[in-house]
Amino acid sequence: MTAPARQSLRAFLAALEADGQLTRVSAPVDRRFELSACLAVNGRGPVLRFEAVRGHAMAVVGNVLGTRERMAQAVGVELADLQDRLAGAIERPLAPRQVATGPCQERVQDAPDLDELPLPWFFEHETGPYVTAGAIVAREPATGKRNLSIARLKPLGGNRALIGIAPNHHLARMARDAGAQGEQLPIAVTLGNHPAVMLAACLYLGYGDDELEQAGALLGERLDVVAAQRDLLVPAHCELVLEGTLDPAETVYEGPVSEFHGMYEDYGPGHVVTFDRMTSRHDAFLHVIEPGLHPEHLLLGGVAIAAGLAPALRRIEPAVSAIALPEGGCGRLTAVIALDGERARAGVARRLMFATWAQVSLVRTVTVVDADIDPWDGEQVEWARTSFARPDRDLLIAPDTSADRSEPLQRRGTVAKLGIDATRKSVDRADHRVAAPPAAAMAAARRLMRP
């Protein structure tokens, strides 16, 4: 059997399975709630491959990037270097390489019936199943600007689906621009992508920046792409592609839908997409992401947003050492900035708070800690807040600040935001040393206790 191409999700899954990080579920599961429940119970556990989804021959894979360690493994770096790798991909993109053919086009089906795919119905009060791991390629016909992003799709019967896009996302802007010209927007929904493509699709870039270039930079080589319909280029080694058009003039009411904060939102109507072609591998599987308050969903957003923030904040203050949008803050609402206090300028903590809110309107709370605190470690961050932040001095409240529609506490588009300066301050006490055995003794103990 030929080994899967390095740029495929298959290659990454094979490596994870060899490392004991993938579990095959052979017992039959129903795509209505059961598959979702398995992913929810699994949490941060291994990748799950469902071999027997009732009524469907296609396998389903989920929880691929359920930990930051797996994200780092996917792009070939140690965990400590993941943020720099992502930030480097933003700064040094690599143009994709068009190839004549790709595995994602081994089979072609016109006017595909989306109900034939084993799409999960995830949550009790949602109104249907969803595509949740679709990396959507779009191209603005007038300018040629391209976009790669992730948005949910809910089948409406046959080859039609509702697409849910936040109004401030670049795909929504492209749709509005097409509508203003009386046109439809061509899109291609790609499924079963290498993690580098998925991470790139989550990055916050400038309008017109092509995230396929960041995917190549994360891979360390140009991403292979093939031509789809309507002058679109799609990752050659993905599992399947749905090709169609988004109609800015046609909308349909969605109903309650889960959000990253773990509750439901009602966003009203969404645009309608009609798919006239599906291409796929001859033995394609379906990739899904458990939505809502699930580790993979939170980390995809949090890790990507933090990587985009890092270079922007370092331009303001080079002493910024790391940034996190941890799972405890839903991967969107809370940012933690680690700062080298010996190098930082006075008063910079508050400046970084305002800069973060300006860069990412989703962020509500910003905590600034010292560089020896791991910003992804909730216990360490809480200890820093408890030990070094005085409520009468180190809290900053910004009332009536602009908020995204997915902010669970926003009212009329605004919410109060909070900044916490949890760095050590010499005025509080002369000695901030943490009580612990000597470093050499700790290192020896770790060697001794190692399994």
Protein backbone atom coordinates (compact mmCIF):
# COMPACT_ATOMS: atom_id res chain seq x y z
CA MET A 1 0.00 0.00 0.00
CA THR A 2 1.32 3.43 -0.91
CA ALA A 3 2.11 5.63 2.07
CA PRO A 4 -0.17 8.69 2.37
CA ALA A 5 1.26 11.97 1.13
CA ARG A 6 2.90 14.14 3.77
CA GLN A 7 0.41 16.97 3.12
CA SER A 8 -2.61 14.78 3.85
CA LEU A 9 -4.57 14.37 7.06
CA ARG A 10 -4.10 10.63 6.52
CA ALA A 11 -0.37 10.90 7.04
CA PHE A 12 -0.82 12.72 10.34
CA LEU A 13 -3.44 10.23 11.54
CA ALA A 14 -1.14 7.32 10.67
CA ALA A 15 1.61 8.89 12.80
CA LEU A 16 -0.81 9.42 15.69
CA GLU A 17 -2.09 5.85 15.50
CA ALA A 18 1.46 4.50 15.56
CA ASP A 19 2.01 6.61 18.69
CA GLY A 20 -1.13 5.32 20.43
CA GLN A 21 -3.00 8.62 19.99
CA LEU A 22 -5.84 7.31 17.80
CA THR A 23 -8.66 5.00 18.80
CA ARG A 24 -10.82 3.16 16.28
CA VAL A 25 -14.46 2.86 17.36
CA SER A 26 -15.85 -0.25 15.68
CA ALA A 27 -19.21 -0.38 17.49
CA PRO A 28 -22.06 1.18 15.48
CA VAL A 29 -22.91 4.78 16.41
CA ASP A 30 -25.77 6.99 15.30
CA ARG A 31 -24.93 10.33 13.77
CA ARG A 32 -27.84 11.89 15.69
CA PHE A 33 -26.31 12.82 19.06
CA GLU A 34 -24.40 9.56 19.71
CA LEU A 35 -21.34 10.49 17.68
CA SER A 36 -21.26 13.92 19.30
CA ALA A 37 -21.66 12.41 22.76
CA CYS A 38 -18.65 10.14 22.17
CA LEU A 39 -16.52 13.14 21.22
CA ALA A 40 -17.78 15.08 24.26
CA VAL A 41 -16.98 12.23 26.66
CA ASN A 42 -13.59 11.74 25.02
CA GLY A 43 -12.65 15.38 25.73
CA ARG A 44 -8.89 15.85 25.46
CA GLY A 45 -8.39 12.17 24.74
CA PRO A 46 -7.15 10.50 21.55
CA VAL A 47 -8.36 11.05 18.03
CA LEU A 48 -11.51 9.00 17.44
CA ARG A 49 -12.18 7.22 14.14
CA PHE A 50 -15.76 5.95 13.89
CA GLU A 51 -15.75 2.97 11.54
CA ALA A 52 -19.49 2.20 11.60
CA VAL A 53 -21.86 5.16 11.45
CA ARG A 54 -25.37 3.76 11.10
CA GLY A 55 -26.74 4.17 7.58
CA HIS A 56 -23.43 5.33 6.10
CA ALA A 57 -20.40 3.60 4.61
CA MET A 58 -18.08 6.57 5.18
CA ALA A 59 -15.94 6.67 8.34
CA VAL A 60 -15.85 9.77 10.56
CA VAL A 61 -12.79 11.21 12.31
CA GLY A 62 -12.91 13.70 15.19
CA ASN A 63 -10.81 15.36 17.91
CA VAL A 64 -7.77 15.58 15.63
CA LEU A 65 -6.38 18.72 17.28
CA GLY A 66 -7.74 18.26 20.79
CA THR A 67 -4.45 19.26 22.45
CA ARG A 68 -1.78 21.87 21.79
CA GLU A 69 0.77 19.06 21.81
CA ARG A 70 -0.88 17.51 18.77
CA MET A 71 -0.95 20.88 17.03
CA ALA A 72 2.79 21.23 17.58
CA GLN A 73 3.39 17.68 16.37
CA ALA A 74 1.38 18.40 13.22
CA VAL A 75 3.65 21.29 12.20
CA GLY A 76 6.87 19.57 13.32
CA VAL A 77 7.89 21.63 16.36
CA GLU A 78 8.10 21.30 20.12
CA LEU A 79 5.17 22.71 22.09
CA ALA A 80 7.26 25.64 23.33
CA ASP A 81 7.89 26.68 19.71
CA LEU A 82 4.30 26.39 18.43
CA GLN A 83 3.41 30.07 18.80
CA ASP A 84 6.59 31.22 17.09
CA ARG A 85 5.98 28.78 14.25
CA LEU A 86 2.50 30.15 13.68
CA ALA A 87 3.64 33.76 13.98
CA GLY A 88 6.46 33.02 11.56
CA ALA A 89 4.00 31.63 9.04
CA ILE A 90 2.06 34.88 9.22
CA GLU A 91 5.21 36.93 8.64
CA ARG A 92 6.73 34.63 5.97
CA PRO A 93 3.98 33.10 3.79
CA LEU A 94 4.72 30.53 1.11
CA ALA A 95 2.69 30.60 -2.11
CA PRO A 96 0.84 27.38 -2.99
CA ARG A 97 1.93 25.16 -5.90
CA GLN A 98 -0.73 24.22 -8.45
CA VAL A 99 -0.57 20.61 -9.58
CA ALA A 100 -2.48 18.92 -12.39
CA THR A 101 -4.35 16.34 -10.34
CA GLY A 102 -4.93 15.46 -6.72
CA PRO A 103 -6.48 12.65 -4.65
CA CYS A 104 -9.41 14.88 -3.68
CA GLN A 105 -10.69 14.62 -7.28
CA GLU A 106 -10.61 10.84 -7.74
CA ARG A 107 -14.41 10.76 -7.75
CA VAL A 108 -16.84 13.37 -9.09
CA GLN A 109 -20.54 13.66 -8.27
CA ASP A 110 -22.91 16.31 -9.63
CA ALA A 111 -25.62 17.92 -7.46
CA PRO A 112 -24.57 15.99 -4.33
CA ASP A 113 -27.14 15.11 -1.68
CA LEU A 114 -25.65 16.31 1.60
CA ASP A 115 -27.79 13.82 3.55
CA GLU A 116 -25.63 11.07 2.10
CA LEU A 117 -22.73 12.32 4.23
CA PRO A 118 -22.57 11.09 7.87
CA LEU A 119 -22.89 14.63 9.25
CA PRO A 120 -23.42 14.63 13.03
CA TRP A 121 -26.41 16.22 14.71
CA PHE A 122 -24.41 17.54 17.63
CA PHE A 123 -26.63 19.12 20.28
CA GLU A 124 -30.13 18.65 21.62
CA HIS A 125 -31.62 22.06 20.81
CA GLU A 126 -29.99 22.62 17.43
CA THR A 127 -32.25 22.11 14.45
CA GLY A 128 -30.16 19.75 12.34
CA PRO A 129 -26.74 18.29 11.57
CA TYR A 130 -23.77 20.47 10.65
CA VAL A 131 -20.56 20.54 8.65
CA THR A 132 -18.09 21.86 11.24
CA ALA A 133 -14.62 21.14 9.82
CA GLY A 134 -15.02 22.73 6.41
CA ALA A 135 -12.12 24.96 5.37
CA ILE A 136 -13.82 27.21 2.84
CA VAL A 137 -11.96 28.60 -0.15
CA ALA A 138 -13.41 31.74 -1.71
CA ARG A 139 -12.19 34.17 -4.35
CA GLU A 140 -13.50 37.66 -4.95
CA PRO A 141 -14.19 37.73 -8.71
CA ALA A 142 -13.59 41.47 -9.13
CA THR A 143 -10.18 41.63 -7.42
CA GLY A 144 -8.96 38.03 -7.32
CA LYS A 145 -8.46 38.26 -3.53
CA ARG A 146 -8.65 34.86 -1.89
CA ASN A 147 -9.75 33.70 1.52
CA LEU A 148 -9.56 30.46 3.50
CA SER A 149 -11.74 30.28 6.61
CA ILE A 150 -13.94 27.94 8.62
CA ALA A 151 -17.70 28.40 8.84
CA ARG A 152 -20.52 26.05 9.76
CA LEU A 153 -23.00 24.70 7.23
CA LYS A 154 -26.41 23.19 7.96
CA PRO A 155 -27.97 21.03 5.21
CA LEU A 156 -31.37 22.23 4.01
CA GLY A 157 -32.17 19.19 1.87
CA GLY A 158 -30.56 17.95 -1.33
CA ASN A 159 -27.62 20.05 -2.42
CA ARG A 160 -28.51 23.20 -0.46
CA ALA A 161 -27.17 24.38 2.89
CA LEU A 162 -27.28 27.35 5.22
CA ILE A 163 -23.89 28.92 5.90
CA GLY A 164 -23.28 30.71 9.19
CA ILE A 165 -20.70 33.50 8.92
CA ALA A 166 -19.98 36.25 11.45
CA PRO A 167 -20.61 39.63 9.78
CA ASN A 168 -17.04 40.86 10.44
CA HIS A 169 -15.36 37.84 8.83
CA HIS A 170 -13.68 38.27 5.46
CA LEU A 171 -15.93 35.65 3.83
CA ALA A 172 -18.96 37.71 4.86
CA ARG A 173 -17.38 40.81 3.33
CA MET A 174 -16.76 38.96 0.08
CA ALA A 175 -20.39 37.83 0.06
CA ARG A 176 -21.62 41.38 0.63
CA ASP A 177 -19.40 42.73 -2.15
CA ALA A 178 -20.68 40.06 -4.55
CA GLY A 179 -24.25 40.87 -3.58
CA ALA A 180 -23.66 44.56 -4.22
CA GLN A 181 -22.74 43.61 -7.79
CA GLY A 182 -25.79 41.41 -8.14
CA GLU A 183 -23.60 38.29 -8.24
CA GLN A 184 -23.20 35.07 -6.32
CA LEU A 185 -19.93 34.16 -4.58
CA PRO A 186 -18.18 30.94 -5.70
CA ILE A 187 -16.94 28.84 -2.79
CA ALA A 188 -15.41 25.40 -2.24
CA VAL A 189 -15.82 23.67 1.13
CA THR A 190 -12.80 21.41 1.67
CA LEU A 191 -12.99 18.63 4.27
CA GLY A 192 -10.34 16.31 5.68
CA ASN A 193 -7.42 18.72 5.52
CA HIS A 194 -3.97 18.46 7.03
CA PRO A 195 -3.85 20.31 10.39
CA ALA A 196 -1.61 22.99 8.85
CA VAL A 197 -4.50 23.98 6.58
CA MET A 198 -6.96 24.03 9.47
CA LEU A 199 -4.69 26.17 11.65
CA ALA A 200 -4.05 28.57 8.78
CA ALA A 201 -7.80 28.91 8.19
CA CYS A 202 -8.22 30.12 11.78
CA LEU A 203 -5.57 32.87 11.64
CA TYR A 204 -6.58 36.53 11.87
CA LEU A 205 -4.99 38.13 8.80
CA GLY A 206 -5.61 41.18 6.64
CA TYR A 207 -8.37 41.27 4.07
CA GLY A 208 -7.13 39.67 0.86
CA ASP A 209 -4.31 37.73 2.52
CA ASP A 210 -4.42 34.14 1.27
CA GLU A 211 -4.29 31.69 4.18
CA LEU A 212 -3.25 28.90 1.79
CA GLU A 213 0.15 30.62 1.86
CA GLN A 214 0.33 30.35 5.66
CA ALA A 215 -0.59 26.67 5.38
CA GLY A 216 2.46 26.14 3.18
CA ALA A 217 4.68 28.02 5.61
CA LEU A 218 3.44 25.79 8.45
CA LEU A 219 4.15 22.69 6.38
CA GLY A 220 7.61 23.97 5.46
CA GLU A 221 6.85 23.49 1.78
CA ARG A 222 4.45 24.91 -0.79
CA LEU A 223 0.95 23.53 -0.39
CA ASP A 224 -0.20 21.44 -3.37
CA VAL A 225 -3.47 22.79 -4.79
CA VAL A 226 -5.65 21.70 -7.71
CA ALA A 227 -8.12 23.66 -9.79
CA ALA A 228 -11.77 23.36 -8.84
CA GLN A 229 -14.64 25.01 -10.68
CA ARG A 230 -14.97 28.78 -10.98
CA ASP A 231 -11.27 29.58 -10.77
CA LEU A 232 -10.86 28.25 -7.22
CA LEU A 233 -7.79 26.39 -5.95
CA VAL A 234 -8.26 23.71 -3.27
CA PRO A 235 -5.80 21.60 -1.23
CA ALA A 236 -4.97 18.61 -3.41
CA HIS A 237 -4.64 16.11 -0.56
CA CYS A 238 -7.87 16.77 1.34
CA GLU A 239 -10.59 14.11 1.53
CA LEU A 240 -13.50 15.77 -0.26
CA VAL A 241 -14.61 19.09 -1.73
CA LEU A 242 -18.08 20.59 -2.04
CA GLU A 243 -18.18 23.17 -4.86
CA GLY A 244 -20.94 25.71 -5.26
CA THR A 245 -22.12 29.28 -4.92
CA LEU A 246 -23.22 31.42 -2.00
CA ASP A 247 -26.28 33.52 -2.81
CA PRO A 248 -26.15 36.83 -0.87
CA ALA A 249 -29.77 37.51 -1.81
CA GLU A 250 -31.25 34.30 -0.37
CA THR A 251 -31.43 33.71 3.37
CA VAL A 252 -33.08 31.21 5.66
CA TYR A 253 -33.67 31.21 9.42
CA GLU A 254 -31.17 29.01 11.26
CA GLY A 255 -32.57 28.55 14.77
CA PRO A 256 -30.52 27.98 17.95
CA VAL A 257 -26.88 27.14 17.31
CA SER A 258 -24.10 26.31 19.77
CA GLU A 259 -21.25 28.75 20.31
CA PHE A 260 -17.73 28.53 21.71
CA HIS A 261 -18.92 29.76 25.13
CA GLY A 262 -20.95 26.58 25.54
CA MET A 263 -24.44 28.06 25.19
CA TYR A 264 -26.81 28.61 22.28
CA GLU A 265 -27.18 31.74 20.20
CA ASP A 266 -29.91 32.76 17.77
CA TYR A 267 -28.34 34.69 14.92
CA GLY A 268 -31.48 34.83 12.80
CA PRO A 269 -31.15 34.21 9.05
CA GLY A 270 -28.08 32.90 7.24
CA HIS A 271 -27.14 32.83 3.57
CA VAL A 272 -27.88 29.84 1.34
CA VAL A 273 -25.25 27.85 -0.56
CA THR A 274 -26.06 25.54 -3.47
CA PHE A 275 -23.52 22.83 -4.30
CA ASP A 276 -23.44 21.61 -7.87
CA ARG A 277 -20.44 19.27 -7.54
CA MET A 278 -18.65 17.12 -4.98
CA THR A 279 -15.22 15.64 -5.60
CA SER A 280 -13.55 13.17 -3.25
CA ARG A 281 -11.06 10.39 -2.73
CA HIS A 282 -12.38 6.97 -3.66
CA ASP A 283 -12.28 5.97 0.04
CA ALA A 284 -12.85 9.37 1.64
CA PHE A 285 -13.65 9.80 5.32
CA LEU A 286 -15.42 12.74 6.96
CA HIS A 287 -13.56 15.04 9.36
CA VAL A 288 -15.68 16.70 12.06
CA ILE A 289 -14.96 19.16 14.87
CA GLU A 290 -17.12 18.93 18.00
CA PRO A 291 -18.45 22.49 18.36
CA GLY A 292 -19.44 24.37 21.50
CA LEU A 293 -17.32 24.17 24.64
CA HIS A 294 -15.03 21.39 23.40
CA PRO A 295 -11.22 21.48 23.67
CA GLU A 296 -10.53 21.19 19.94
CA HIS A 297 -12.99 23.94 19.04
CA LEU A 298 -11.58 26.23 21.74
CA LEU A 299 -7.94 25.54 20.93
CA LEU A 300 -8.29 26.07 17.18
CA GLY A 301 -9.48 29.58 17.91
CA GLY A 302 -7.29 30.34 20.91
CA VAL A 303 -3.98 29.13 19.51
CA ALA A 304 -4.50 30.87 16.17
CA ILE A 305 -5.67 34.18 17.67
CA ALA A 306 -2.76 34.20 20.14
CA ALA A 307 -0.28 33.63 17.32
CA GLY A 308 -1.68 36.57 15.41
CA LEU A 309 -1.58 38.80 18.49
CA ALA A 310 2.04 37.96 19.33
CA PRO A 311 3.81 39.95 16.57
CA ALA A 312 1.37 42.86 16.90
CA LEU A 313 1.96 43.23 20.64
CA ARG A 314 5.71 42.72 20.34
CA ARG A 315 5.85 45.70 18.00
CA ILE A 316 4.44 47.72 20.89
CA GLU A 317 6.54 46.04 23.59
CA PRO A 318 9.40 43.67 22.63
CA ALA A 319 9.42 42.30 26.18
CA VAL A 320 6.21 40.30 25.47
CA SER A 321 7.36 36.69 25.74
CA ALA A 322 4.16 34.70 25.11
CA ILE A 323 0.40 35.08 24.70
CA ALA A 324 -2.43 32.65 25.41
CA LEU A 325 -6.16 32.55 24.84
CA PRO A 326 -6.75 29.56 27.11
CA GLU A 327 -9.61 27.10 27.15
CA GLY A 328 -10.90 28.48 30.46
CA GLY A 329 -11.70 31.70 28.61
CA CYS A 330 -13.40 29.75 25.79
CA GLY A 331 -10.36 30.25 23.53
CA ARG A 332 -11.73 33.68 22.58
CA LEU A 333 -12.80 35.82 25.55
CA THR A 334 -9.72 35.82 27.79
CA ALA A 335 -6.14 36.71 26.86
CA VAL A 336 -3.07 36.26 29.05
CA ILE A 337 0.13 38.13 28.18
CA ALA A 338 3.47 37.06 29.67
CA LEU A 339 5.89 39.97 30.03
CA ASP A 340 9.59 40.11 30.87
CA GLY A 341 9.34 42.69 33.64
CA GLU A 342 13.05 43.47 33.70
CA ARG A 343 12.91 44.55 30.03
CA ALA A 344 9.46 46.11 29.95
CA ARG A 345 8.83 49.82 30.10
CA ALA A 346 6.82 51.34 32.95
CA GLY A 347 3.07 51.40 32.40
CA VAL A 348 3.21 49.05 29.44
CA ALA A 349 0.73 46.53 30.93
CA ARG A 350 -2.22 48.88 30.42
CA ARG A 351 -1.08 49.79 26.94
CA LEU A 352 -1.01 46.08 26.03
CA MET A 353 -4.55 45.67 27.37
CA PHE A 354 -5.91 48.38 25.09
CA ALA A 355 -3.88 47.10 22.15
CA THR A 356 -5.31 43.60 22.62
CA TRP A 357 -8.90 44.88 22.66
CA ALA A 358 -8.19 46.92 19.54
CA GLN A 359 -6.72 43.91 17.71
CA VAL A 360 -9.31 41.29 18.73
CA SER A 361 -12.73 42.60 19.68
CA LEU A 362 -13.76 39.16 20.99
CA VAL A 363 -11.36 39.42 23.93
CA ARG A 364 -13.09 40.67 27.09
CA THR A 365 -10.50 40.07 29.84
CA VAL A 366 -6.74 40.66 29.55
CA THR A 367 -4.35 39.53 32.28
CA VAL A 368 -0.67 40.52 32.20
CA VAL A 369 1.73 38.21 34.09
CA ASP A 370 5.47 37.83 34.46
CA ALA A 371 7.47 35.77 31.97
CA ASP A 372 7.99 32.87 34.39
CA ILE A 373 4.23 32.22 34.40
CA ASP A 374 2.93 29.88 31.68
CA PRO A 375 0.00 31.84 30.21
CA TRP A 376 -1.69 28.60 29.09
CA ASP A 377 -1.64 27.21 32.67
CA GLY A 378 -4.79 28.37 34.44
CA GLU A 379 -3.48 27.49 37.91
CA GLN A 380 -0.31 29.52 37.43
CA VAL A 381 -2.24 32.50 36.07
CA GLU A 382 -4.73 32.40 38.95
CA TRP A 383 -1.83 32.24 41.43
CA ALA A 384 -0.29 35.32 39.82
CA ARG A 385 -3.59 37.21 40.05
CA THR A 386 -3.96 36.20 43.69
CA SER A 387 -0.37 37.02 44.65
CA PHE A 388 0.41 40.19 42.72
CA ALA A 389 -2.77 42.03 41.64
CA ARG A 390 -4.23 44.58 44.08
CA PRO A 391 -7.91 45.26 43.24
CA ASP A 392 -7.65 48.97 44.14
CA ARG A 393 -4.66 49.51 41.86
CA ASP A 394 -4.26 46.82 39.22
CA LEU A 395 -7.75 46.44 37.74
CA LEU A 396 -8.81 48.39 34.67
CA ILE A 397 -12.46 48.46 33.60
CA ALA A 398 -13.33 49.73 30.12
CA PRO A 399 -17.13 50.19 30.02
CA ASP A 400 -19.31 50.06 26.90
CA THR A 401 -16.61 48.63 24.66
CA SER A 402 -17.35 47.22 21.20
CA ALA A 403 -18.18 43.49 21.26
CA ASP A 404 -18.78 40.76 18.68
CA ARG A 405 -22.23 39.26 18.25
CA SER A 406 -21.00 35.98 19.79
CA GLU A 407 -20.05 37.71 23.07
CA PRO A 408 -22.43 36.02 25.55
CA LEU A 409 -22.84 39.13 27.73
CA GLN A 410 -23.05 41.86 25.08
CA ARG A 411 -25.99 44.21 24.99
CA ARG A 412 -26.60 46.36 21.91
CA GLY A 413 -23.11 45.52 20.63
CA THR A 414 -21.08 46.52 23.69
CA VAL A 415 -19.76 44.96 26.87
CA ALA A 416 -17.52 46.12 29.72
CA LYS A 417 -13.95 44.80 29.48
CA LEU A 418 -11.48 44.03 32.25
CA GLY A 419 -7.71 44.31 32.46
CA ILE A 420 -5.68 42.81 35.32
CA ASP A 421 -2.03 43.66 35.93
CA ALA A 422 -0.79 40.54 37.75
CA THR A 423 2.93 41.26 37.45
CA ARG A 424 5.26 41.51 40.45
CA LYS A 425 5.86 45.03 41.74
CA SER A 426 8.80 46.02 43.91
CA VAL A 427 6.69 48.57 45.76
CA ASP A 428 4.63 45.73 47.26
CA ARG A 429 7.50 43.72 48.72
CA ALA A 430 11.24 43.36 48.31
CA ASP A 431 11.24 39.55 48.13
CA HIS A 432 9.05 37.72 45.60
CA ARG A 433 10.99 34.47 45.66
CA VAL A 434 8.91 31.29 45.55
CA ALA A 435 9.65 28.79 48.30
CA ALA A 436 10.97 25.60 46.71
CA PRO A 437 13.87 23.13 46.92
CA PRO A 438 17.02 24.13 44.98
CA ALA A 439 16.82 23.76 41.18
CA ALA A 440 19.44 20.98 41.15
CA ALA A 441 17.46 18.98 43.69
CA MET A 442 14.26 19.44 41.68
CA ALA A 443 15.98 18.24 38.50
CA ALA A 444 17.37 15.18 40.31
CA ALA A 445 13.91 14.42 41.72
CA ARG A 446 12.33 14.55 38.28
CA ARG A 447 14.89 12.05 36.99
CA LEU A 448 14.28 9.82 39.99
CA MET A 449 10.48 9.92 39.70
CA ARG A 450 10.42 9.47 35.94
CA PRO A 451 8.42 6.33 35.01
